[in-house]
């Protein structure tokens, strides 16, 4: 049996189960400011702590939704190793994405992955769909949920 077929067969046994929980990461003001500069999205609700404390219901600055989403890759590094015969992983996109709760500066986040679907696309590629939940420490409502598609590429 090929590495791809082995990976698909094994992954199919995991559908519907949580396959990874990442480490916590702190989203501090420095990270938010760096992201704002990189993306040229320097809206005051992200980069002006004094004004955000006075003029928003959040009591301070909040992380960009896309900053929160961008941490998905970091969370995946904590949770997934290369499978036997796999040569790389590629971000394939999202089916659904919802930002459910703002992330306050100083919050700690982590990712939870639940495998939803696995498909062999061709002789080398396995498409995995994971439900990604990015949790905020101490909060019942997550920061976001998304159906994240990842392509695992295997040797031919």
N, C-alpha and C. Protein backbone atom coordinates (compact mmCIF):
# COMPACT_ATOMS: atom_id res chain seq x y z
N UNK A 1 0.85 -1.19 0.00
CA UNK A 1 0.00 0.00 0.00
C UNK A 1 0.89 1.25 0.00
N UNK A 2 0.53 2.27 -0.75
CA UNK A 2 1.35 3.49 -0.82
C UNK A 2 1.21 4.31 0.45
N UNK A 3 2.14 5.24 0.64
CA UNK A 3 2.08 6.14 1.80
C UNK A 3 0.79 6.93 1.81
N UNK A 4 0.36 7.40 0.65
CA UNK A 4 -0.89 8.16 0.56
C UNK A 4 -2.08 7.30 0.98
N UNK A 5 -2.15 6.08 0.44
CA UNK A 5 -3.27 5.20 0.80
C UNK A 5 -3.27 4.88 2.29
N UNK A 6 -2.08 4.65 2.85
CA UNK A 6 -1.96 4.39 4.29
C UNK A 6 -2.46 5.60 5.09
N UNK A 7 -2.05 6.79 4.66
CA UNK A 7 -2.45 8.01 5.37
C UNK A 7 -3.95 8.23 5.30
N UNK A 8 -4.54 8.01 4.13
CA UNK A 8 -5.99 8.17 3.98
C UNK A 8 -6.71 7.16 4.86
N UNK A 9 -6.28 5.90 4.81
CA UNK A 9 -6.93 4.86 5.61
C UNK A 9 -6.86 5.18 7.10
N UNK A 10 -5.69 5.60 7.55
CA UNK A 10 -5.54 5.95 8.97
C UNK A 10 -6.38 7.18 9.31
N UNK A 11 -6.33 8.20 8.48
CA UNK A 11 -7.07 9.44 8.75
C UNK A 11 -8.57 9.21 8.78
N UNK A 12 -9.06 8.33 7.94
CA UNK A 12 -10.50 8.04 7.93
C UNK A 12 -10.98 7.50 9.28
N UNK A 13 -10.11 6.82 10.01
CA UNK A 13 -10.50 6.31 11.33
C UNK A 13 -10.62 7.44 12.36
N UNK A 14 -10.07 8.61 12.04
CA UNK A 14 -10.07 9.75 12.97
C UNK A 14 -11.17 10.77 12.69
N UNK A 15 -11.93 10.59 11.63
CA UNK A 15 -12.97 11.56 11.27
C UNK A 15 -13.95 11.69 12.43
N UNK A 16 -14.21 12.94 12.78
CA UNK A 16 -15.12 13.25 13.88
C UNK A 16 -14.45 13.36 15.23
N UNK A 17 -13.14 13.13 15.27
CA UNK A 17 -12.43 13.23 16.55
C UNK A 17 -11.51 14.45 16.57
N UNK A 18 -11.24 14.91 17.78
CA UNK A 18 -10.28 16.00 17.95
C UNK A 18 -8.89 15.42 17.72
N UNK A 19 -8.17 15.98 16.76
CA UNK A 19 -6.86 15.44 16.39
C UNK A 19 -5.70 16.31 16.86
N UNK A 20 -6.00 17.44 17.51
CA UNK A 20 -4.92 18.26 18.02
C UNK A 20 -5.42 19.44 18.82
N UNK A 21 -4.66 19.76 19.88
CA UNK A 21 -4.87 20.96 20.68
C UNK A 21 -3.50 21.62 20.83
N UNK A 22 -3.40 22.86 20.43
CA UNK A 22 -2.10 23.54 20.42
C UNK A 22 -1.74 24.07 21.80
N UNK A 23 -0.54 24.58 21.88
CA UNK A 23 -0.11 25.33 23.05
C UNK A 23 -0.79 26.70 23.04
N UNK A 24 -0.83 27.35 24.19
CA UNK A 24 -1.36 28.71 24.29
C UNK A 24 -0.33 29.69 23.75
N UNK A 25 -0.81 30.77 23.15
CA UNK A 25 0.06 31.86 22.70
C UNK A 25 -0.58 33.18 23.12
N UNK A 26 0.24 34.09 23.62
CA UNK A 26 -0.26 35.39 24.06
C UNK A 26 -0.26 36.38 22.90
N UNK A 27 -1.39 37.02 22.71
CA UNK A 27 -1.52 38.07 21.69
C UNK A 27 -1.40 39.40 22.42
N UNK A 28 -0.18 39.93 22.45
CA UNK A 28 0.06 41.18 23.17
C UNK A 28 0.02 42.38 22.22
N UNK A 29 0.14 43.57 22.79
CA UNK A 29 0.03 44.78 21.98
C UNK A 29 1.14 44.86 20.94
N UNK A 30 2.33 44.39 21.29
CA UNK A 30 3.43 44.41 20.32
C UNK A 30 3.10 43.57 19.08
N UNK A 31 2.52 42.39 19.29
CA UNK A 31 2.14 41.53 18.16
C UNK A 31 1.07 42.23 17.31
N UNK A 32 0.10 42.83 17.97
CA UNK A 32 -0.97 43.55 17.26
C UNK A 32 -0.39 44.70 16.45
N UNK A 33 0.53 45.47 17.06
CA UNK A 33 1.15 46.60 16.35
C UNK A 33 1.95 46.15 15.14
N UNK A 34 2.69 45.05 15.28
CA UNK A 34 3.48 44.53 14.16
C UNK A 34 2.56 44.08 13.03
N UNK A 35 1.47 43.42 13.38
CA UNK A 35 0.52 42.97 12.36
C UNK A 35 -0.12 44.18 11.67
N UNK A 36 -0.45 45.20 12.44
CA UNK A 36 -1.04 46.42 11.87
C UNK A 36 -0.10 47.06 10.85
N UNK A 37 1.17 47.13 11.18
CA UNK A 37 2.14 47.70 10.25
C UNK A 37 2.29 46.84 9.00
N UNK A 38 2.39 45.54 9.20
CA UNK A 38 2.57 44.62 8.08
C UNK A 38 1.41 44.69 7.10
N UNK A 39 0.19 44.75 7.64
CA UNK A 39 -1.00 44.72 6.78
C UNK A 39 -1.51 46.11 6.42
N UNK A 40 -0.87 47.12 6.98
CA UNK A 40 -1.28 48.53 6.77
C UNK A 40 -2.71 48.77 7.23
N UNK A 41 -3.10 48.05 8.27
CA UNK A 41 -4.40 48.23 8.91
C UNK A 41 -4.15 48.74 10.32
N UNK A 42 -3.93 50.05 10.42
CA UNK A 42 -3.58 50.65 11.69
C UNK A 42 -4.76 51.41 12.30
N UNK A 43 -5.96 50.80 12.18
CA UNK A 43 -7.16 51.39 12.78
C UNK A 43 -6.95 51.52 14.28
N UNK A 44 -7.43 52.60 14.85
CA UNK A 44 -7.17 52.91 16.25
C UNK A 44 -7.67 51.86 17.23
N UNK A 45 -8.70 51.10 16.88
CA UNK A 45 -9.18 50.07 17.83
C UNK A 45 -8.13 48.98 18.06
N UNK A 46 -7.14 48.93 17.18
CA UNK A 46 -6.06 47.95 17.31
C UNK A 46 -4.79 48.56 17.90
N UNK A 47 -4.50 49.83 17.61
CA UNK A 47 -3.17 50.37 17.92
C UNK A 47 -3.15 51.53 18.90
N UNK A 48 -4.28 52.00 19.36
CA UNK A 48 -4.33 53.12 20.30
C UNK A 48 -5.00 52.69 21.60
N UNK A 49 -4.21 52.14 22.54
CA UNK A 49 -4.78 51.61 23.78
C UNK A 49 -5.59 52.64 24.58
N UNK A 50 -5.12 53.87 24.66
CA UNK A 50 -5.84 54.89 25.44
C UNK A 50 -7.20 55.19 24.83
N UNK A 51 -7.23 55.43 23.54
CA UNK A 51 -8.49 55.74 22.88
C UNK A 51 -9.44 54.53 22.92
N UNK A 52 -8.89 53.35 22.67
CA UNK A 52 -9.72 52.14 22.68
C UNK A 52 -10.32 51.91 24.07
N UNK A 53 -9.57 52.24 25.12
CA UNK A 53 -10.09 52.09 26.49
C UNK A 53 -11.25 53.03 26.73
N UNK A 54 -11.18 54.23 26.18
CA UNK A 54 -12.22 55.25 26.39
C UNK A 54 -13.43 55.08 25.48
N UNK A 55 -13.19 54.68 24.22
CA UNK A 55 -14.25 54.78 23.21
C UNK A 55 -14.82 53.45 22.72
N UNK A 56 -14.35 52.34 23.26
CA UNK A 56 -14.90 51.05 22.82
C UNK A 56 -15.49 50.31 24.02
N UNK A 57 -16.34 49.35 23.79
CA UNK A 57 -16.86 48.54 24.89
C UNK A 57 -15.87 47.46 25.35
N UNK A 58 -14.70 47.40 24.71
CA UNK A 58 -13.74 46.34 24.99
C UNK A 58 -12.80 46.69 26.15
N UNK A 59 -12.68 47.96 26.49
CA UNK A 59 -11.79 48.38 27.57
C UNK A 59 -10.34 48.47 27.16
N UNK A 60 -10.07 48.34 25.88
CA UNK A 60 -8.70 48.42 25.36
C UNK A 60 -8.69 47.97 23.92
N UNK A 61 -7.51 47.77 23.41
CA UNK A 61 -7.38 47.38 22.00
C UNK A 61 -7.75 45.92 21.81
N UNK A 62 -8.09 45.61 20.56
CA UNK A 62 -8.39 44.23 20.17
C UNK A 62 -7.51 43.85 18.98
N UNK A 63 -7.24 42.56 18.88
CA UNK A 63 -6.47 42.03 17.76
C UNK A 63 -7.32 42.06 16.50
N UNK A 64 -6.67 42.21 15.37
CA UNK A 64 -7.34 42.08 14.08
C UNK A 64 -7.87 40.65 13.96
N UNK A 65 -9.02 40.50 13.36
CA UNK A 65 -9.55 39.15 13.12
C UNK A 65 -8.57 38.34 12.29
N UNK A 66 -7.96 39.00 11.30
CA UNK A 66 -7.03 38.27 10.44
C UNK A 66 -5.72 37.92 11.16
N UNK A 67 -5.36 38.67 12.19
CA UNK A 67 -4.22 38.27 13.03
C UNK A 67 -4.57 36.97 13.75
N UNK A 68 -5.74 36.92 14.33
CA UNK A 68 -6.18 35.71 15.01
C UNK A 68 -6.16 34.53 14.05
N UNK A 69 -6.72 34.73 12.87
CA UNK A 69 -6.73 33.66 11.86
C UNK A 69 -5.32 33.26 11.46
N UNK A 70 -4.42 34.23 11.33
CA UNK A 70 -3.06 33.92 10.88
C UNK A 70 -2.32 33.02 11.85
N UNK A 71 -2.74 33.00 13.10
CA UNK A 71 -2.10 32.12 14.08
C UNK A 71 -2.45 30.66 13.87
N UNK A 72 -3.41 30.38 13.00
CA UNK A 72 -3.79 28.99 12.71
C UNK A 72 -2.58 28.17 12.29
N UNK A 73 -1.72 28.75 11.48
CA UNK A 73 -0.52 28.02 11.05
C UNK A 73 0.35 27.65 12.23
N UNK A 74 0.53 28.57 13.16
CA UNK A 74 1.34 28.29 14.36
C UNK A 74 0.71 27.16 15.17
N UNK A 75 -0.61 27.22 15.32
CA UNK A 75 -1.30 26.18 16.08
C UNK A 75 -1.15 24.82 15.39
N UNK A 76 -1.21 24.81 14.07
CA UNK A 76 -1.06 23.56 13.33
C UNK A 76 0.34 22.97 13.55
N UNK A 77 1.37 23.82 13.61
CA UNK A 77 2.71 23.31 13.87
C UNK A 77 2.79 22.58 15.20
N UNK A 78 2.01 23.05 16.19
CA UNK A 78 1.99 22.38 17.49
C UNK A 78 1.31 21.01 17.42
N UNK A 79 0.40 20.85 16.49
CA UNK A 79 -0.50 19.69 16.50
C UNK A 79 -0.19 18.60 15.48
N UNK A 80 0.44 18.93 14.39
CA UNK A 80 0.57 17.97 13.30
C UNK A 80 2.02 17.75 12.91
N UNK A 81 2.37 16.48 12.80
CA UNK A 81 3.68 16.07 12.28
C UNK A 81 3.48 15.57 10.86
N UNK A 82 4.56 15.54 10.12
CA UNK A 82 4.50 14.95 8.79
C UNK A 82 4.20 13.45 8.93
N UNK A 83 3.36 12.96 8.04
CA UNK A 83 3.03 11.53 8.03
C UNK A 83 4.09 10.78 7.22
N UNK A 84 4.25 9.49 7.42
CA UNK A 84 5.22 8.73 6.64
C UNK A 84 4.98 8.92 5.14
N UNK A 85 6.02 9.32 4.44
CA UNK A 85 5.93 9.53 3.00
C UNK A 85 5.48 10.93 2.59
N UNK A 86 5.03 11.73 3.56
CA UNK A 86 4.58 13.10 3.23
C UNK A 86 5.80 13.99 3.02
N UNK A 87 5.77 14.80 1.96
CA UNK A 87 6.89 15.69 1.66
C UNK A 87 6.60 17.15 1.99
N UNK A 88 5.33 17.51 2.06
CA UNK A 88 4.98 18.87 2.44
C UNK A 88 3.50 18.98 2.74
N UNK A 89 3.15 20.08 3.39
CA UNK A 89 1.75 20.43 3.61
C UNK A 89 1.50 21.80 3.02
N UNK A 90 0.33 21.98 2.44
CA UNK A 90 -0.01 23.25 1.78
C UNK A 90 -1.37 23.72 2.28
N UNK A 91 -1.45 24.99 2.63
CA UNK A 91 -2.72 25.60 2.99
C UNK A 91 -3.58 25.66 1.73
N UNK A 92 -4.76 25.08 1.78
CA UNK A 92 -5.63 25.00 0.60
C UNK A 92 -6.82 25.96 0.68
N UNK A 93 -7.05 26.53 1.87
CA UNK A 93 -8.11 27.52 2.00
C UNK A 93 -9.10 27.21 3.10
N UNK A 94 -10.20 27.94 3.06
CA UNK A 94 -11.27 27.81 4.05
C UNK A 94 -12.60 27.62 3.32
N UNK A 95 -13.45 26.79 3.91
CA UNK A 95 -14.82 26.70 3.43
C UNK A 95 -15.70 27.69 4.15
N UNK A 96 -15.57 27.79 5.45
CA UNK A 96 -16.35 28.71 6.26
C UNK A 96 -15.43 29.31 7.31
N UNK A 97 -15.73 30.54 7.66
CA UNK A 97 -14.96 31.22 8.69
C UNK A 97 -15.88 32.22 9.37
N UNK A 98 -15.91 32.17 10.69
CA UNK A 98 -16.70 33.12 11.47
C UNK A 98 -15.87 33.64 12.63
N UNK A 99 -15.82 34.97 12.76
CA UNK A 99 -15.19 35.62 13.90
C UNK A 99 -16.27 35.82 14.95
N UNK A 100 -16.16 35.13 16.08
CA UNK A 100 -17.25 35.11 17.05
C UNK A 100 -17.05 36.04 18.24
N UNK A 101 -15.80 36.31 18.61
CA UNK A 101 -15.54 37.16 19.78
C UNK A 101 -14.22 37.90 19.57
N UNK A 102 -14.22 39.21 19.86
CA UNK A 102 -12.97 39.96 19.74
C UNK A 102 -11.91 39.45 20.73
N UNK A 103 -10.67 39.53 20.31
CA UNK A 103 -9.53 39.11 21.12
C UNK A 103 -8.89 40.36 21.71
N UNK A 104 -9.00 40.51 23.02
CA UNK A 104 -8.42 41.66 23.71
C UNK A 104 -6.90 41.52 23.76
N UNK A 105 -6.21 42.64 23.64
CA UNK A 105 -4.75 42.63 23.79
C UNK A 105 -4.40 41.99 25.13
N UNK A 106 -3.43 41.09 25.11
CA UNK A 106 -3.02 40.38 26.31
C UNK A 106 -3.68 39.03 26.48
N UNK A 107 -4.64 38.70 25.62
CA UNK A 107 -5.33 37.41 25.70
C UNK A 107 -4.42 36.27 25.26
N UNK A 108 -4.74 35.08 25.76
CA UNK A 108 -4.04 33.87 25.33
C UNK A 108 -4.99 33.05 24.48
N UNK A 109 -4.47 32.55 23.36
CA UNK A 109 -5.26 31.77 22.41
C UNK A 109 -4.63 30.41 22.20
N UNK A 110 -5.48 29.46 21.80
CA UNK A 110 -4.98 28.17 21.34
C UNK A 110 -5.95 27.63 20.30
N UNK A 111 -5.45 26.70 19.49
CA UNK A 111 -6.27 26.10 18.45
C UNK A 111 -6.64 24.67 18.77
N UNK A 112 -7.86 24.30 18.39
CA UNK A 112 -8.34 22.92 18.50
C UNK A 112 -8.74 22.47 17.11
N UNK A 113 -8.32 21.27 16.72
CA UNK A 113 -8.58 20.74 15.39
C UNK A 113 -9.39 19.46 15.49
N UNK A 114 -10.51 19.41 14.77
CA UNK A 114 -11.33 18.21 14.68
C UNK A 114 -11.41 17.82 13.21
N UNK A 115 -10.95 16.62 12.90
CA UNK A 115 -10.95 16.16 11.51
C UNK A 115 -12.38 15.88 11.06
N UNK A 116 -12.76 16.49 9.93
CA UNK A 116 -14.12 16.35 9.42
C UNK A 116 -14.21 15.49 8.15
N UNK A 117 -13.16 15.57 7.33
CA UNK A 117 -13.24 14.87 6.04
C UNK A 117 -11.82 14.66 5.50
N UNK A 118 -11.64 13.55 4.77
CA UNK A 118 -10.37 13.25 4.11
C UNK A 118 -10.68 12.75 2.71
N UNK A 119 -9.92 13.27 1.73
CA UNK A 119 -10.13 12.86 0.34
C UNK A 119 -8.78 12.70 -0.35
N UNK A 120 -8.57 11.56 -1.01
CA UNK A 120 -7.40 11.41 -1.88
C UNK A 120 -7.77 12.10 -3.20
N UNK A 121 -7.03 13.13 -3.56
CA UNK A 121 -7.35 13.90 -4.76
C UNK A 121 -6.71 13.34 -6.02
N UNK A 122 -5.56 12.73 -5.84
CA UNK A 122 -4.84 12.12 -6.97
C UNK A 122 -3.79 11.18 -6.37
N UNK A 123 -2.77 10.83 -7.12
CA UNK A 123 -1.78 9.86 -6.66
C UNK A 123 -0.88 10.37 -5.55
N UNK A 124 -0.84 11.70 -5.33
CA UNK A 124 0.08 12.25 -4.33
C UNK A 124 -0.57 13.14 -3.28
N UNK A 125 -1.80 13.56 -3.47
CA UNK A 125 -2.40 14.60 -2.62
C UNK A 125 -3.58 14.10 -1.80
N UNK A 126 -3.55 14.39 -0.50
CA UNK A 126 -4.66 14.10 0.38
C UNK A 126 -5.19 15.42 0.93
N UNK A 127 -6.47 15.68 0.70
CA UNK A 127 -7.12 16.89 1.19
C UNK A 127 -7.77 16.57 2.53
N UNK A 128 -7.41 17.37 3.55
CA UNK A 128 -8.00 17.21 4.88
C UNK A 128 -8.82 18.44 5.22
N UNK A 129 -10.01 18.22 5.74
CA UNK A 129 -10.83 19.32 6.23
C UNK A 129 -10.93 19.19 7.74
N UNK A 130 -10.43 20.21 8.43
CA UNK A 130 -10.49 20.25 9.89
C UNK A 130 -11.37 21.40 10.33
N UNK A 131 -12.18 21.16 11.34
CA UNK A 131 -12.85 22.25 12.03
C UNK A 131 -11.83 22.83 12.98
N UNK A 132 -11.50 24.09 12.79
CA UNK A 132 -10.56 24.79 13.64
C UNK A 132 -11.34 25.71 14.57
N UNK A 133 -11.11 25.55 15.85
CA UNK A 133 -11.69 26.44 16.85
C UNK A 133 -10.53 27.14 17.54
N UNK A 134 -10.51 28.47 17.49
CA UNK A 134 -9.48 29.21 18.22
C UNK A 134 -10.13 29.75 19.49
N UNK A 135 -9.66 29.20 20.61
CA UNK A 135 -10.20 29.53 21.92
C UNK A 135 -9.46 30.70 22.55
N UNK A 136 -10.19 31.45 23.37
CA UNK A 136 -9.63 32.50 24.19
C UNK A 136 -9.62 31.97 25.62
N UNK A 137 -8.47 31.97 26.25
CA UNK A 137 -8.39 31.44 27.61
C UNK A 137 -9.38 32.17 28.52
N UNK A 138 -10.17 31.39 29.26
CA UNK A 138 -11.11 31.95 30.21
C UNK A 138 -12.44 32.39 29.62
N UNK A 139 -12.63 32.24 28.31
CA UNK A 139 -13.86 32.66 27.64
C UNK A 139 -14.62 31.44 27.14
N UNK A 140 -15.92 31.48 27.26
CA UNK A 140 -16.74 30.38 26.76
C UNK A 140 -16.87 30.42 25.23
N UNK A 141 -17.01 31.63 24.68
CA UNK A 141 -17.15 31.79 23.24
C UNK A 141 -15.77 31.85 22.60
N UNK A 142 -15.53 31.06 21.56
CA UNK A 142 -14.22 31.11 20.90
C UNK A 142 -14.05 32.39 20.08
N UNK A 143 -12.82 32.71 19.77
CA UNK A 143 -12.51 33.85 18.91
C UNK A 143 -13.03 33.62 17.50
N UNK A 144 -12.82 32.38 17.01
CA UNK A 144 -13.29 32.06 15.67
C UNK A 144 -13.45 30.57 15.50
N UNK A 145 -14.24 30.23 14.50
CA UNK A 145 -14.34 28.85 14.03
C UNK A 145 -14.20 28.88 12.52
N UNK A 146 -13.58 27.86 11.98
CA UNK A 146 -13.36 27.81 10.53
C UNK A 146 -13.24 26.37 10.08
N UNK A 147 -13.66 26.12 8.86
CA UNK A 147 -13.39 24.84 8.20
C UNK A 147 -12.14 25.06 7.35
N UNK A 148 -11.04 24.50 7.81
CA UNK A 148 -9.75 24.75 7.19
C UNK A 148 -9.35 23.55 6.34
N UNK A 149 -8.98 23.82 5.10
CA UNK A 149 -8.56 22.79 4.17
C UNK A 149 -7.03 22.78 4.07
N UNK A 150 -6.47 21.60 4.20
CA UNK A 150 -5.03 21.45 4.07
C UNK A 150 -4.71 20.29 3.14
N UNK A 151 -3.72 20.49 2.31
CA UNK A 151 -3.30 19.47 1.37
C UNK A 151 -2.01 18.83 1.89
N UNK A 152 -2.04 17.53 2.10
CA UNK A 152 -0.84 16.78 2.44
C UNK A 152 -0.33 16.15 1.15
N UNK A 153 0.91 16.46 0.80
CA UNK A 153 1.50 15.98 -0.45
C UNK A 153 2.50 14.88 -0.13
N UNK A 154 2.36 13.76 -0.85
CA UNK A 154 3.18 12.58 -0.62
C UNK A 154 4.07 12.30 -1.82
N UNK A 155 5.15 11.54 -1.58
CA UNK A 155 5.99 11.07 -2.68
C UNK A 155 5.15 10.19 -3.58
N UNK A 156 5.41 10.26 -4.85
CA UNK A 156 4.68 9.42 -5.82
C UNK A 156 5.14 7.99 -5.75
